[in-house]
């Protein structure tokens, strides 16, 4: 398979050698029992604009390109727009919005997300992220599961080899179009607006293949939008594992990933688990002992368990 654009897992692992997944103690039991973390469809995260945080910026870029070039495409296909200039401007915007929505929602293999956080400052390395304890770590009563990022990367490579998975990769998240990561990728993707032009041409000549042939740009478009979240989520400092199942004609005898009853995929990756941080609420000594016993019961006694000194008190 061709390398995915922008995805450099070696560089990511070097920058973030340890990744953390926050969860409740009850969920930890299920995770250890299955040996897996769950991956949920990108349309079912707690971010209401997941995959669409760049919609306004991309629609504006497509709209600007359309105002400049659409009339030429019409002329090439012996078509013309009947209406005023104001109506033309409005139709161009509506078409750009429809183009964005169609690309994001019509992907033949839905992306699934498994979310991790990075601990960059020393006090976060020692204690975790308070926002994550509150929101995902059962208001401080849960745990943060620490994963060796390099081992996680190796496991995902094996997953793609032996499971019916077409795409699986680790990627850092940027927060908003102005973030360094996202703005750089947008600058490196000048052909992004070509997708809009190809969509217009496909309609003019009634041939969807004109648009579908843009496979490489469609993948770049998807990776770009999956790497951007609304700026209000910046406290999560996310690195995400993106998984896309193989299409039927590309399974090649590989076993499908298992699913939970709610449709989430199970990604077997606990061999990369090397650390558990117990949350700051309640009696940490008791909770540490509970976690140690639970890890031992599932054959993972080698995993380090420690507490946090964050002075968080649940009110």
C-alpha atoms as a PDB file:
ATOM      1  CA  UNK A   1       0.000   0.000   0.000  1.00  0.00           C
ATOM      2  CA  UNK A   2       1.178   3.534  -0.787  1.00  0.00           C
ATOM      3  CA  UNK A   3       2.299   5.620   2.221  1.00  0.00           C
ATOM      4  CA  UNK A   4      -0.495   7.775   3.581  1.00  0.00           C
ATOM      5  CA  UNK A   5      -0.008  11.521   3.114  1.00  0.00           C
ATOM      6  CA  UNK A   6       1.263  13.390   6.186  1.00  0.00           C
ATOM      7  CA  UNK A   7       1.317  10.257   8.339  1.00  0.00           C
ATOM      8  CA  UNK A   8       4.755   9.841   9.920  1.00  0.00           C
ATOM      9  CA  UNK A   9       4.323   7.469  12.825  1.00  0.00           C
ATOM     10  CA  UNK A  10       8.067   7.267  13.527  1.00  0.00           C
ATOM     11  CA  UNK A  11       8.165  11.020  14.073  1.00  0.00           C
ATOM     12  CA  UNK A  12       5.009  10.904  16.197  1.00  0.00           C
ATOM     13  CA  UNK A  13       6.412   8.101  18.375  1.00  0.00           C
ATOM     14  CA  UNK A  14       9.647  10.037  18.871  1.00  0.00           C
ATOM     15  CA  UNK A  15       7.704  13.124  19.969  1.00  0.00           C
ATOM     16  CA  UNK A  16       5.221  11.189  22.135  1.00  0.00           C
ATOM     17  CA  UNK A  17       6.749   7.883  23.301  1.00  0.00           C
ATOM     18  CA  UNK A  18       3.949   7.295  25.805  1.00  0.00           C
ATOM     19  CA  UNK A  19       0.232   7.665  25.016  1.00  0.00           C
ATOM     20  CA  UNK A  20      -2.610   7.602  27.549  1.00  0.00           C
ATOM     21  CA  UNK A  21      -6.195   6.404  27.336  1.00  0.00           C
ATOM     22  CA  UNK A  22      -8.460   7.661  30.148  1.00  0.00           C
ATOM     23  CA  UNK A  23     -11.343   5.504  31.291  1.00  0.00           C
ATOM     24  CA  UNK A  24     -13.344   4.337  34.317  1.00  0.00           C
ATOM     25  CA  UNK A  25     -12.439   1.449  36.599  1.00  0.00           C
ATOM     26  CA  UNK A  26     -15.469  -0.501  35.368  1.00  0.00           C
ATOM     27  CA  UNK A  27     -14.387  -0.006  31.753  1.00  0.00           C
ATOM     28  CA  UNK A  28     -10.884  -1.167  32.695  1.00  0.00           C
ATOM     29  CA  UNK A  29     -12.345  -4.566  33.609  1.00  0.00           C
ATOM     30  CA  UNK A  30     -13.897  -4.859  30.149  1.00  0.00           C
ATOM     31  CA  UNK A  31     -10.699  -3.694  28.453  1.00  0.00           C
ATOM     32  CA  UNK A  32      -8.594  -6.285  30.267  1.00  0.00           C
ATOM     33  CA  UNK A  33     -11.184  -8.976  29.637  1.00  0.00           C
ATOM     34  CA  UNK A  34     -11.208  -8.377  25.897  1.00  0.00           C
ATOM     35  CA  UNK A  35      -7.527  -7.479  25.595  1.00  0.00           C
ATOM     36  CA  UNK A  36      -8.664  -4.575  23.456  1.00  0.00           C
ATOM     37  CA  UNK A  37      -9.521  -0.909  23.243  1.00  0.00           C
ATOM     38  CA  UNK A  38     -12.724   0.073  21.461  1.00  0.00           C
ATOM     39  CA  UNK A  39     -12.821   2.186  18.302  1.00  0.00           C
ATOM     40  CA  UNK A  40     -16.018   4.114  17.671  1.00  0.00           C
ATOM     41  CA  UNK A  41     -17.348   5.563  14.396  1.00  0.00           C
ATOM     42  CA  UNK A  42     -16.113   9.112  13.922  1.00  0.00           C
ATOM     43  CA  UNK A  43     -19.743  10.246  13.704  1.00  0.00           C
ATOM     44  CA  UNK A  44     -20.412   9.066  17.275  1.00  0.00           C
ATOM     45  CA  UNK A  45     -17.804  10.867  19.365  1.00  0.00           C
ATOM     46  CA  UNK A  46     -18.627  13.588  21.909  1.00  0.00           C
ATOM     47  CA  UNK A  47     -17.441  16.244  19.419  1.00  0.00           C
ATOM     48  CA  UNK A  48     -20.592  17.325  17.580  1.00  0.00           C
ATOM     49  CA  UNK A  49     -18.497  18.589  14.634  1.00  0.00           C
ATOM     50  CA  UNK A  50     -16.100  15.620  14.453  1.00  0.00           C
ATOM     51  CA  UNK A  51     -14.668  15.496  10.930  1.00  0.00           C
ATOM     52  CA  UNK A  52     -16.308  18.851  10.148  1.00  0.00           C
ATOM     53  CA  UNK A  53     -14.296  21.368  12.154  1.00  0.00           C
ATOM     54  CA  UNK A  54     -12.742  22.602   8.895  1.00  0.00           C
ATOM     55  CA  UNK A  55     -16.019  22.753   6.995  1.00  0.00           C
ATOM     56  CA  UNK A  56     -16.316  26.545   6.973  1.00  0.00           C
ATOM     57  CA  UNK A  57     -12.697  27.113   5.888  1.00  0.00           C
ATOM     58  CA  UNK A  58     -12.782  24.445   3.170  1.00  0.00           C
ATOM     59  CA  UNK A  59     -16.197  25.491   1.850  1.00  0.00           C
ATOM     60  CA  UNK A  60     -14.921  29.074   1.583  1.00  0.00           C
ATOM     61  CA  UNK A  61     -11.848  27.908  -0.371  1.00  0.00           C
ATOM     62  CA  UNK A  62     -14.022  25.809  -2.689  1.00  0.00           C
ATOM     63  CA  UNK A  63     -16.462  28.673  -3.131  1.00  0.00           C
ATOM     64  CA  UNK A  64     -13.699  31.122  -4.059  1.00  0.00           C
ATOM     65  CA  UNK A  65     -12.332  28.635  -6.599  1.00  0.00           C
ATOM     66  CA  UNK A  66     -15.824  28.073  -7.991  1.00  0.00           C
ATOM     67  CA  UNK A  67     -16.470  31.748  -8.595  1.00  0.00           C
ATOM     68  CA  UNK A  68     -13.283  31.833 -10.645  1.00  0.00           C
ATOM     69  CA  UNK A  69     -13.499  28.592 -12.635  1.00  0.00           C
ATOM     70  CA  UNK A  70     -17.009  27.111 -12.753  1.00  0.00           C
ATOM     71  CA  UNK A  71     -18.187  29.144 -15.728  1.00  0.00           C
ATOM     72  CA  UNK A  72     -15.233  27.742 -17.699  1.00  0.00           C
ATOM     73  CA  UNK A  73     -16.236  24.176 -16.794  1.00  0.00           C
ATOM     74  CA  UNK A  74     -19.771  24.925 -17.929  1.00  0.00           C
ATOM     75  CA  UNK A  75     -18.428  26.201 -21.255  1.00  0.00           C
ATOM     76  CA  UNK A  76     -16.327  23.046 -21.742  1.00  0.00           C
ATOM     77  CA  UNK A  77     -19.476  20.944 -21.426  1.00  0.00           C
ATOM     78  CA  UNK A  78     -21.746  23.239 -23.455  1.00  0.00           C
ATOM     79  CA  UNK A  79     -23.675  24.288 -20.351  1.00  0.00           C
ATOM     80  CA  UNK A  80     -24.444  27.649 -18.841  1.00  0.00           C
ATOM     81  CA  UNK A  81     -25.816  29.094 -15.631  1.00  0.00           C
ATOM     82  CA  UNK A  82     -29.163  30.818 -16.039  1.00  0.00           C
ATOM     83  CA  UNK A  83     -29.604  33.445 -13.350  1.00  0.00           C
ATOM     84  CA  UNK A  84     -28.180  36.605 -11.843  1.00  0.00           C
ATOM     85  CA  UNK A  85     -24.631  37.033 -10.535  1.00  0.00           C
ATOM     86  CA  UNK A  86     -26.006  37.042  -6.975  1.00  0.00           C
ATOM     87  CA  UNK A  87     -27.783  33.747  -7.614  1.00  0.00           C
ATOM     88  CA  UNK A  88     -24.600  32.302  -9.120  1.00  0.00           C
ATOM     89  CA  UNK A  89     -22.631  33.221  -5.997  1.00  0.00           C
ATOM     90  CA  UNK A  90     -25.240  31.592  -3.758  1.00  0.00           C
ATOM     91  CA  UNK A  91     -25.432  28.418  -5.857  1.00  0.00           C
ATOM     92  CA  UNK A  92     -21.635  28.134  -5.797  1.00  0.00           C
ATOM     93  CA  UNK A  93     -21.672  28.248  -1.995  1.00  0.00           C
ATOM     94  CA  UNK A  94     -24.462  25.693  -1.731  1.00  0.00           C
ATOM     95  CA  UNK A  95     -22.644  23.384  -4.134  1.00  0.00           C
ATOM     96  CA  UNK A  96     -19.400  23.756  -2.156  1.00  0.00           C
ATOM     97  CA  UNK A  97     -21.234  22.860   1.060  1.00  0.00           C
ATOM     98  CA  UNK A  98     -22.842  19.850  -0.609  1.00  0.00           C
ATOM     99  CA  UNK A  99     -19.477  18.751  -1.996  1.00  0.00           C
ATOM    100  CA  UNK A 100     -17.823  18.863   1.430  1.00  0.00           C
ATOM    101  CA  UNK A 101     -20.695  16.981   3.084  1.00  0.00           C
ATOM    102  CA  UNK A 102     -20.739  14.327   0.366  1.00  0.00           C
ATOM    103  CA  UNK A 103     -17.009  13.613   0.642  1.00  0.00           C
ATOM    104  CA  UNK A 104     -17.105  13.339   4.444  1.00  0.00           C
ATOM    105  CA  UNK A 105     -20.239  11.202   4.657  1.00  0.00           C
ATOM    106  CA  UNK A 106     -19.911   9.000   1.575  1.00  0.00           C
ATOM    107  CA  UNK A 107     -16.614   7.272   2.333  1.00  0.00           C
ATOM    108  CA  UNK A 108     -17.103   3.560   1.491  1.00  0.00           C
ATOM    109  CA  UNK A 109     -15.252   2.452   4.652  1.00  0.00           C
ATOM    110  CA  UNK A 110     -16.197   4.440   7.736  1.00  0.00           C
ATOM    111  CA  UNK A 111     -13.311   5.689   9.906  1.00  0.00           C
ATOM    112  CA  UNK A 112     -13.257   4.476  13.510  1.00  0.00           C
ATOM    113  CA  UNK A 113     -11.379   6.327  16.246  1.00  0.00           C
ATOM    114  CA  UNK A 114      -9.511   5.228  19.365  1.00  0.00           C
ATOM    115  CA  UNK A 115      -8.386   8.240  21.359  1.00  0.00           C
ATOM    116  CA  UNK A 116      -5.236   8.832  23.392  1.00  0.00           C
ATOM    117  CA  UNK A 117      -3.756  11.859  25.123  1.00  0.00           C
ATOM    118  CA  UNK A 118      -0.169  13.078  25.306  1.00  0.00           C
ATOM    119  CA  UNK A 119       1.513  14.224  28.527  1.00  0.00           C
ATOM    120  CA  UNK A 120       4.047  16.876  27.561  1.00  0.00           C
ATOM    121  CA  UNK A 121       4.820  19.007  30.627  1.00  0.00           C
ATOM    122  CA  UNK A 122       6.488  17.353  33.606  1.00  0.00           C
ATOM    123  CA  UNK A 123       3.503  17.822  35.957  1.00  0.00           C
ATOM    124  CA  UNK A 124       1.284  16.136  33.341  1.00  0.00           C
ATOM    125  CA  UNK A 125       3.787  13.288  32.948  1.00  0.00           C
ATOM    126  CA  UNK A 126       3.600  12.780  36.714  1.00  0.00           C
ATOM    127  CA  UNK A 127      -0.103  13.390  37.321  1.00  0.00           C
ATOM    128  CA  UNK A 128      -2.050  13.261  34.057  1.00  0.00           C
ATOM    129  CA  UNK A 129      -4.419  15.843  32.595  1.00  0.00           C
ATOM    130  CA  UNK A 130      -7.080  17.192  34.958  1.00  0.00           C
ATOM    131  CA  UNK A 131      -9.515  17.789  32.104  1.00  0.00           C
ATOM    132  CA  UNK A 132      -9.237  14.151  31.084  1.00  0.00           C
ATOM    133  CA  UNK A 133      -9.679  12.920  34.649  1.00  0.00           C
ATOM    134  CA  UNK A 134     -12.885  14.943  34.919  1.00  0.00           C
ATOM    135  CA  UNK A 135     -14.419  14.084  31.554  1.00  0.00           C
ATOM    136  CA  UNK A 136     -13.209  10.562  30.740  1.00  0.00           C
ATOM    137  CA  UNK A 137     -11.644   9.288  33.984  1.00  0.00           C
ATOM    138  CA  UNK A 138     -14.869   9.025  35.984  1.00  0.00           C
ATOM    139  CA  UNK A 139     -14.371  12.463  37.543  1.00  0.00           C
ATOM    140  CA  UNK A 140     -11.026  11.391  38.971  1.00  0.00           C
ATOM    141  CA  UNK A 141     -12.098   7.928  40.147  1.00  0.00           C
ATOM    142  CA  UNK A 142     -10.903   6.199  36.971  1.00  0.00           C
ATOM    143  CA  UNK A 143      -7.537   5.355  35.446  1.00  0.00           C
ATOM    144  CA  UNK A 144      -5.208   6.502  32.696  1.00  0.00           C
ATOM    145  CA  UNK A 145      -3.791   3.584  30.723  1.00  0.00           C
ATOM    146  CA  UNK A 146      -0.260   4.264  29.493  1.00  0.00           C
ATOM    147  CA  UNK A 147       0.850   2.684  26.214  1.00  0.00           C
ATOM    148  CA  UNK A 148       4.310   2.383  24.711  1.00  0.00           C
ATOM    149  CA  UNK A 149       3.717   4.270  21.447  1.00  0.00           C
ATOM    150  CA  UNK A 150       6.318   2.303  19.469  1.00  0.00           C
ATOM    151  CA  UNK A 151       4.847  -1.035  20.532  1.00  0.00           C
ATOM    152  CA  UNK A 152       1.400   0.299  19.708  1.00  0.00           C
ATOM    153  CA  UNK A 153       2.607   1.209  16.230  1.00  0.00           C
ATOM    154  CA  UNK A 154       4.064  -2.284  15.751  1.00  0.00           C
ATOM    155  CA  UNK A 155       0.789  -3.877  16.867  1.00  0.00           C
ATOM    156  CA  UNK A 156      -1.227  -1.829  14.395  1.00  0.00           C
ATOM    157  CA  UNK A 157       1.086  -2.952  11.592  1.00  0.00           C
ATOM    158  CA  UNK A 158       0.341  -6.557  12.504  1.00  0.00           C
ATOM    159  CA  UNK A 159      -3.361  -5.778  12.742  1.00  0.00           C
ATOM    160  CA  UNK A 160      -3.380  -4.564   9.147  1.00  0.00           C
ATOM    161  CA  UNK A 161      -1.463  -7.648   8.043  1.00  0.00           C
ATOM    162  CA  UNK A 162      -3.705 -10.263   9.636  1.00  0.00           C
ATOM    163  CA  UNK A 163      -7.075  -8.542  10.033  1.00  0.00           C
ATOM    164  CA  UNK A 164      -9.485  -7.204   7.431  1.00  0.00           C
ATOM    165  CA  UNK A 165      -8.258  -3.643   7.813  1.00  0.00           C
ATOM    166  CA  UNK A 166      -7.327  -1.443   4.868  1.00  0.00           C
ATOM    167  CA  UNK A 167      -6.067   1.565   6.816  1.00  0.00           C
ATOM    168  CA  UNK A 168      -4.849   1.972  10.396  1.00  0.00           C
ATOM    169  CA  UNK A 169      -2.590   4.770  11.560  1.00  0.00           C
ATOM    170  CA  UNK A 170      -1.678   7.029  14.478  1.00  0.00           C
ATOM    171  CA  UNK A 171      -1.996  10.772  13.925  1.00  0.00           C
ATOM    172  CA  UNK A 172      -1.775  13.871  16.063  1.00  0.00           C
ATOM    173  CA  UNK A 173      -4.760  16.208  16.260  1.00  0.00           C
ATOM    174  CA  UNK A 174      -4.717  19.930  15.523  1.00  0.00           C
ATOM    175  CA  UNK A 175      -7.324  22.276  16.950  1.00  0.00           C
ATOM    176  CA  UNK A 176      -8.903  24.550  14.378  1.00  0.00           C
ATOM    177  CA  UNK A 177      -7.834  25.786  10.958  1.00  0.00           C
ATOM    178  CA  UNK A 178      -5.318  28.189  12.518  1.00  0.00           C
ATOM    179  CA  UNK A 179      -3.398  25.468  14.377  1.00  0.00           C
ATOM    180  CA  UNK A 180       0.130  24.839  13.123  1.00  0.00           C
ATOM    181  CA  UNK A 181      -0.536  21.220  12.126  1.00  0.00           C
ATOM    182  CA  UNK A 182      -3.766  21.885  10.238  1.00  0.00           C
ATOM    183  CA  UNK A 183      -2.720  25.115   8.524  1.00  0.00           C
ATOM    184  CA  UNK A 184       0.467  23.427   7.291  1.00  0.00           C
ATOM    185  CA  UNK A 185      -1.483  20.523   5.813  1.00  0.00           C
ATOM    186  CA  UNK A 186      -3.945  22.865   4.133  1.00  0.00           C
ATOM    187  CA  UNK A 187      -1.059  24.758   2.515  1.00  0.00           C
ATOM    188  CA  UNK A 188       0.363  21.440   1.312  1.00  0.00           C
ATOM    189  CA  UNK A 189      -2.962  20.451  -0.244  1.00  0.00           C
ATOM    190  CA  UNK A 190      -3.570  22.982  -3.039  1.00  0.00           C
ATOM    191  CA  UNK A 191      -5.483  20.373  -5.035  1.00  0.00           C
ATOM    192  CA  UNK A 192      -8.163  20.267  -2.307  1.00  0.00           C
ATOM    193  CA  UNK A 193     -10.378  22.633  -4.289  1.00  0.00           C
ATOM    194  CA  UNK A 194      -9.864  20.474  -7.409  1.00  0.00           C
ATOM    195  CA  UNK A 195     -12.285  18.026  -5.787  1.00  0.00           C
ATOM    196  CA  UNK A 196     -15.004  20.646  -6.053  1.00  0.00           C
ATOM    197  CA  UNK A 197     -14.178  21.308  -9.698  1.00  0.00           C
ATOM    198  CA  UNK A 198     -14.234  17.568 -10.443  1.00  0.00           C
ATOM    199  CA  UNK A 199     -17.592  17.231  -8.705  1.00  0.00           C
ATOM    200  CA  UNK A 200     -19.011  20.014 -10.903  1.00  0.00           C
ATOM    201  CA  UNK A 201     -17.519  18.397 -14.013  1.00  0.00           C
ATOM    202  CA  UNK A 202     -18.987  15.021 -13.020  1.00  0.00           C
ATOM    203  CA  UNK A 203     -22.443  16.597 -12.822  1.00  0.00           C
ATOM    204  CA  UNK A 204     -22.011  18.416 -16.133  1.00  0.00           C
ATOM    205  CA  UNK A 205     -20.990  15.299 -18.043  1.00  0.00           C
ATOM    206  CA  UNK A 206     -23.157  12.928 -15.951  1.00  0.00           C
ATOM    207  CA  UNK A 207     -20.139  10.733 -15.227  1.00  0.00           C
ATOM    208  CA  UNK A 208     -19.363  10.103 -11.530  1.00  0.00           C
ATOM    209  CA  UNK A 209     -16.094   8.421 -12.485  1.00  0.00           C
ATOM    210  CA  UNK A 210     -14.573  11.844 -13.167  1.00  0.00           C
ATOM    211  CA  UNK A 211     -14.901  12.477  -9.428  1.00  0.00           C
ATOM    212  CA  UNK A 212     -14.178   8.958  -8.176  1.00  0.00           C
ATOM    213  CA  UNK A 213     -10.854   8.884 -10.054  1.00  0.00           C
ATOM    214  CA  UNK A 214      -9.562  11.474  -7.571  1.00  0.00           C
ATOM    215  CA  UNK A 215      -8.841   8.702  -5.043  1.00  0.00           C
ATOM    216  CA  UNK A 216      -5.554  10.100  -3.697  1.00  0.00           C
ATOM    217  CA  UNK A 217      -7.040  13.543  -3.096  1.00  0.00           C
ATOM    218  CA  UNK A 218     -10.125  12.011  -1.476  1.00  0.00           C
ATOM    219  CA  UNK A 219      -7.880  10.203   1.021  1.00  0.00           C
ATOM    220  CA  UNK A 220      -5.910  13.388   1.716  1.00  0.00           C
ATOM    221  CA  UNK A 221      -9.188  15.210   2.284  1.00  0.00           C
ATOM    222  CA  UNK A 222     -10.322  12.587   4.792  1.00  0.00           C
ATOM    223  CA  UNK A 223      -7.010  12.482   6.688  1.00  0.00           C
ATOM    224  CA  UNK A 224      -6.931  16.288   6.879  1.00  0.00           C
ATOM    225  CA  UNK A 225     -10.422  16.535   8.340  1.00  0.00           C
ATOM    226  CA  UNK A 226      -9.968  13.658  10.782  1.00  0.00           C
ATOM    227  CA  UNK A 227      -6.868  15.415  12.153  1.00  0.00           C
ATOM    228  CA  UNK A 228      -8.747  18.575  13.097  1.00  0.00           C
ATOM    229  CA  UNK A 229     -11.016  19.167  16.074  1.00  0.00           C
ATOM    230  CA  UNK A 230     -12.770  22.236  17.401  1.00  0.00           C
ATOM    231  CA  UNK A 231     -10.371  24.444  19.435  1.00  0.00           C
ATOM    232  CA  UNK A 232     -12.473  23.948  22.581  1.00  0.00           C
ATOM    233  CA  UNK A 233     -11.132  20.364  22.758  1.00  0.00           C
ATOM    234  CA  UNK A 234      -7.484  21.440  22.854  1.00  0.00           C
ATOM    235  CA  UNK A 235      -7.068  20.462  26.521  1.00  0.00           C
ATOM    236  CA  UNK A 236      -7.377  16.810  25.448  1.00  0.00           C
ATOM    237  CA  UNK A 237      -4.009  16.911  23.594  1.00  0.00           C
ATOM    238  CA  UNK A 238      -5.119  14.046  21.444  1.00  0.00           C
ATOM    239  CA  UNK A 239      -3.354  11.477  19.345  1.00  0.00           C
ATOM    240  CA  UNK A 240      -5.835   9.187  17.631  1.00  0.00           C
ATOM    241  CA  UNK A 241      -5.703   5.750  16.131  1.00  0.00           C
ATOM    242  CA  UNK A 242      -7.754   5.781  12.919  1.00  0.00           C
ATOM    243  CA  UNK A 243      -9.011   2.424  11.641  1.00  0.00           C
ATOM    244  CA  UNK A 244     -10.859   1.704   8.391  1.00  0.00           C
ATOM    245  CA  UNK A 245     -12.050  -1.819   7.652  1.00  0.00           C
ATOM    246  CA  UNK A 246     -11.254  -3.537   4.369  1.00  0.00           C
ATOM    247  CA  UNK A 247     -13.831  -3.363   1.613  1.00  0.00           C
ATOM    248  CA  UNK A 248     -15.225  -6.772   0.570  1.00  0.00           C
ATOM    249  CA  UNK A 249     -12.999  -7.089  -2.506  1.00  0.00           C
ATOM    250  CA  UNK A 250      -9.874  -6.369  -0.465  1.00  0.00           C
ATOM    251  CA  UNK A 251     -10.264  -8.777   2.463  1.00  0.00           C
ATOM    252  CA  UNK A 252      -7.925 -11.423   0.982  1.00  0.00           C
ATOM    253  CA  UNK A 253      -8.721 -14.046   3.596  1.00  0.00           C
ATOM    254  CA  UNK A 254      -8.020 -11.818   6.591  1.00  0.00           C
ATOM    255  CA  UNK A 255     -10.249 -12.205   9.653  1.00  0.00           C
ATOM    256  CA  UNK A 256     -12.602  -9.292  10.433  1.00  0.00           C
ATOM    257  CA  UNK A 257     -12.151  -7.288  13.603  1.00  0.00           C
ATOM    258  CA  UNK A 258     -14.513  -8.211  16.417  1.00  0.00           C
ATOM    259  CA  UNK A 259     -17.290  -5.820  17.378  1.00  0.00           C
ATOM    260  CA  UNK A 260     -19.144  -4.850  20.503  1.00  0.00           C
ATOM    261  CA  UNK A 261     -22.930  -4.935  20.522  1.00  0.00           C
ATOM    262  CA  UNK A 262     -23.097  -1.170  19.910  1.00  0.00           C
ATOM    263  CA  UNK A 263     -21.044  -1.496  16.727  1.00  0.00           C
ATOM    264  CA  UNK A 264     -17.667  -0.347  18.053  1.00  0.00           C
ATOM    265  CA  UNK A 265     -14.626  -2.222  16.796  1.00  0.00           C
ATOM    266  CA  UNK A 266     -12.199  -3.966  19.157  1.00  0.00           C
ATOM    267  CA  UNK A 267      -8.514  -3.240  18.569  1.00  0.00           C
ATOM    268  CA  UNK A 268      -6.247  -5.756  20.337  1.00  0.00           C
ATOM    269  CA  UNK A 269      -3.384  -3.638  21.619  1.00  0.00           C
ATOM    270  CA  UNK A 270      -2.886  -4.353  25.327  1.00  0.00           C
ATOM    271  CA  UNK A 271       0.562  -5.841  24.750  1.00  0.00           C
ATOM    272  CA  UNK A 272       1.648  -2.190  24.489  1.00  0.00           C
ATOM    273  CA  UNK A 273       0.179  -1.375  27.931  1.00  0.00           C
ATOM    274  CA  UNK A 274       2.993  -0.641  30.400  1.00  0.00           C
ATOM    275  CA  UNK A 275       1.547   1.764  32.946  1.00  0.00           C
ATOM    276  CA  UNK A 276      -1.661   2.614  34.799  1.00  0.00           C
ATOM    277  CA  UNK A 277      -2.128   5.909  36.621  1.00  0.00           C
ATOM    278  CA  UNK A 278      -4.883   5.866  39.229  1.00  0.00           C
ATOM    279  CA  UNK A 279      -7.065   8.979  39.341  1.00  0.00           C
ATOM    280  CA  UNK A 280      -6.846  11.688  42.027  1.00  0.00           C
ATOM    281  CA  UNK A 281     -10.271  11.183  43.648  1.00  0.00           C
ATOM    282  CA  UNK A 282     -10.936   8.948  46.634  1.00  0.00           C
ATOM    283  CA  UNK A 283      -8.528   6.631  48.436  1.00  0.00           C
ATOM    284  CA  UNK A 284      -5.709   6.140  45.962  1.00  0.00           C
ATOM    285  CA  UNK A 285      -3.982   3.452  48.004  1.00  0.00           C
ATOM    286  CA  UNK A 286      -7.098   1.292  47.921  1.00  0.00           C
ATOM    287  CA  UNK A 287      -7.662   1.950  44.233  1.00  0.00           C
ATOM    288  CA  UNK A 288      -4.039   1.144  43.400  1.00  0.00           C
ATOM    289  CA  UNK A 289      -4.408  -2.210  45.155  1.00  0.00           C
ATOM    290  CA  UNK A 290      -7.609  -2.919  43.230  1.00  0.00           C
ATOM    291  CA  UNK A 291      -5.894  -2.183  39.932  1.00  0.00           C
ATOM    292  CA  UNK A 292      -2.854  -4.306  40.819  1.00  0.00           C
ATOM    293  CA  UNK A 293      -5.086  -7.270  41.679  1.00  0.00           C
ATOM    294  CA  UNK A 294      -7.119  -6.821  38.514  1.00  0.00           C
ATOM    295  CA  UNK A 295      -4.023  -6.687  36.311  1.00  0.00           C
ATOM    296  CA  UNK A 296      -2.691  -9.824  38.006  1.00  0.00           C
ATOM    297  CA  UNK A 297      -5.944 -11.648  37.391  1.00  0.00           C
ATOM    298  CA  UNK A 298      -5.528 -11.011  33.652  1.00  0.00           C
ATOM    299  CA  UNK A 299      -1.848 -11.926  33.499  1.00  0.00           C
ATOM    300  CA  UNK A 300      -0.513  -8.374  33.304  1.00  0.00           C
ATOM    301  CA  UNK A 301       1.344  -8.083  36.601  1.00  0.00           C
ATOM    302  CA  UNK A 302       4.305  -6.464  34.839  1.00  0.00           C
ATOM    303  CA  UNK A 303       2.313  -3.264  34.232  1.00  0.00           C
ATOM    304  CA  UNK A 304       3.380  -0.452  36.584  1.00  0.00           C
ATOM    305  CA  UNK A 305       0.627   1.089  38.712  1.00  0.00           C
ATOM    306  CA  UNK A 306       0.998   4.455  40.435  1.00  0.00           C
ATOM    307  CA  UNK A 307      -1.071   7.295  41.812  1.00  0.00           C
ATOM    308  CA  UNK A 308      -1.204  11.015  41.158  1.00  0.00           C
ATOM    309  CA  UNK A 309      -0.593  14.010  43.403  1.00  0.00           C
ATOM    310  CA  UNK A 310      -3.101  16.264  41.648  1.00  0.00           C
ATOM    311  CA  UNK A 311      -4.992  18.096  44.438  1.00  0.00           C
ATOM    312  CA  UNK A 312      -8.415  17.432  42.960  1.00  0.00           C
ATOM    313  CA  UNK A 313     -11.408  17.105  45.245  1.00  0.00           C
ATOM    314  CA  UNK A 314     -14.826  16.141  43.947  1.00  0.00           C
ATOM    315  CA  UNK A 315     -17.525  18.486  45.244  1.00  0.00           C
END
